[in-house]
Protein backbone atom coordinates (compact mmCIF):
# COMPACT_ATOMS: atom_id res chain seq x y z
CA MET A 1 9.59 -12.64 20.19
CA ARG A 2 8.95 -16.09 18.72
CA THR A 3 5.68 -16.34 20.69
CA LEU A 4 4.51 -13.01 19.23
CA LEU A 5 5.29 -14.17 15.68
CA ILE A 6 3.44 -17.44 16.22
CA SER A 7 0.49 -15.51 17.67
CA CYS A 8 0.37 -13.29 14.57
CA VAL A 9 0.46 -16.33 12.28
CA ILE A 10 -2.32 -18.06 14.24
CA ALA A 11 -4.41 -14.86 14.20
CA ALA A 12 -3.95 -14.49 10.43
CA LEU A 13 -4.93 -18.11 9.83
CA ALA A 14 -7.96 -17.79 12.11
CA LEU A 15 -9.15 -14.84 10.02
CA GLY A 16 -8.78 -16.89 6.85
CA VAL A 17 -5.90 -14.72 5.61
CA SER A 18 -2.59 -16.14 4.49
CA VAL A 19 0.52 -14.89 6.26
CA ALA A 20 1.71 -13.27 3.02
CA GLU A 21 -1.56 -11.28 2.80
CA ALA A 22 -1.14 -9.99 6.34
CA ARG A 23 1.47 -7.42 5.15
CA GLN A 24 0.08 -3.95 5.72
CA LEU A 25 1.13 -0.58 4.29
CA ARG A 26 0.38 2.69 6.06
CA ILE A 27 -0.48 5.59 3.72
CA GLU A 28 -0.07 9.07 5.20
CA ASN A 29 -1.46 12.00 3.21
CA LYS A 30 0.55 14.88 4.69
CA ARG A 31 -0.54 17.20 1.86
CA GLY A 32 -3.11 19.97 2.21
CA VAL A 33 -5.28 18.43 -0.49
CA ALA A 34 -7.19 15.13 -0.67
CA LEU A 35 -5.77 12.12 -2.48
CA GLU A 36 -8.30 10.96 -5.06
CA GLN A 37 -6.58 7.72 -5.99
CA LEU A 38 -3.30 5.87 -5.39
CA VAL A 39 -2.67 3.08 -7.90
CA ILE A 40 0.14 0.53 -7.82
CA THR A 41 1.18 -1.52 -10.87
CA ALA A 42 3.19 -4.71 -10.45
CA LYS A 43 6.55 -4.72 -12.23
CA SER A 44 6.87 -8.50 -12.57
CA GLY A 45 4.83 -11.30 -14.02
CA GLU A 46 3.36 -11.86 -17.44
CA MET A 47 0.63 -9.30 -16.88
CA ARG A 48 1.38 -6.03 -15.13
CA LYS A 49 -1.54 -6.01 -12.71
CA SER A 50 -2.76 -2.69 -11.30
CA PHE A 51 -4.38 -2.29 -7.90
CA ILE A 52 -6.13 0.70 -6.34
CA LEU A 53 -4.33 1.02 -3.03
CA ALA A 54 -6.24 4.04 -1.70
CA GLU A 55 -9.12 6.28 -2.75
CA ASN A 56 -10.56 9.51 -1.39
CA LEU A 57 -8.06 10.00 1.41
CA ASP A 58 -8.64 13.43 2.91
CA ALA A 59 -5.81 15.87 3.51
CA LYS A 60 -3.77 15.17 6.66
CA LYS A 61 -5.35 11.72 7.07
CA VAL A 62 -3.90 8.22 7.36
CA THR A 63 -5.13 4.82 6.22
CA THR A 64 -3.76 1.28 6.23
CA ARG A 65 -4.13 -1.07 3.29
CA SER A 66 -3.07 -4.60 2.42
CA VAL A 67 -0.45 -4.94 -0.30
CA PRO A 68 -1.07 -7.79 -2.77
CA PRO A 69 1.32 -10.59 -1.77
CA GLU A 70 2.24 -11.78 -5.25
CA HIS A 71 4.77 -9.03 -6.01
CA CYS A 72 7.21 -6.64 -4.35
CA LEU A 73 8.19 -4.11 -7.03
CA TYR A 74 5.52 -1.64 -8.09
CA ASP A 75 5.16 1.61 -10.00
CA VAL A 76 3.11 3.98 -7.84
CA LYS A 77 0.90 6.75 -9.24
CA GLY A 78 -1.35 9.14 -7.37
CA VAL A 79 -3.84 11.85 -8.32
CA PHE A 80 -4.93 14.58 -5.92
CA ALA A 81 -8.09 16.70 -5.79
CA ASP A 82 -6.20 19.70 -7.20
CA LYS A 83 -5.26 17.49 -10.21
CA SER A 84 -1.60 17.35 -9.21
CA THR A 85 0.01 13.94 -9.57
CA LEU A 86 2.83 11.88 -8.14
CA ALA A 87 4.76 9.01 -9.64
CA ALA A 88 7.44 6.69 -8.29
CA ALA A 89 8.97 3.82 -10.23
CA ASP A 90 10.24 0.53 -8.85
CA MET A 91 9.09 0.92 -5.24
CA ASN A 92 9.75 -2.21 -3.18
CA LEU A 93 6.53 -2.44 -1.17
CA CYS A 94 7.76 -5.60 0.55
CA ALA A 95 10.41 -3.47 2.26
CA GLN A 96 8.13 -0.47 2.90
CA THR A 97 5.77 -0.08 5.82
CA ILE A 98 4.80 3.56 5.14
CA ILE A 99 4.14 5.70 2.09
CA ARG A 100 4.21 9.35 3.13
CA LEU A 101 2.68 11.78 0.61
CA VAL A 102 4.15 15.26 1.08
CA GLU A 103 4.06 18.62 -0.71
């Protein structure tokens, strides 16, 4: 197990990415309509920074995105092609590996 962790660290450094940036989040759009945009807004820090986590994710598709390493708690907002929305407050994206968007 330790060898695998060291290998991941070495691979991240070789790619010029810090270990903190190597954290990935899988986004699964299980809905029957495309996701137009998924935005996360940091809950901490002097400025509440917003990041576009995903755009134009077709229905029933999956993508993987990097989560900004500076924060853990985020408000999450999404807009779908049918103009429906989703919102979740105080999501700990450091503890999450998957966001599953469902009907």
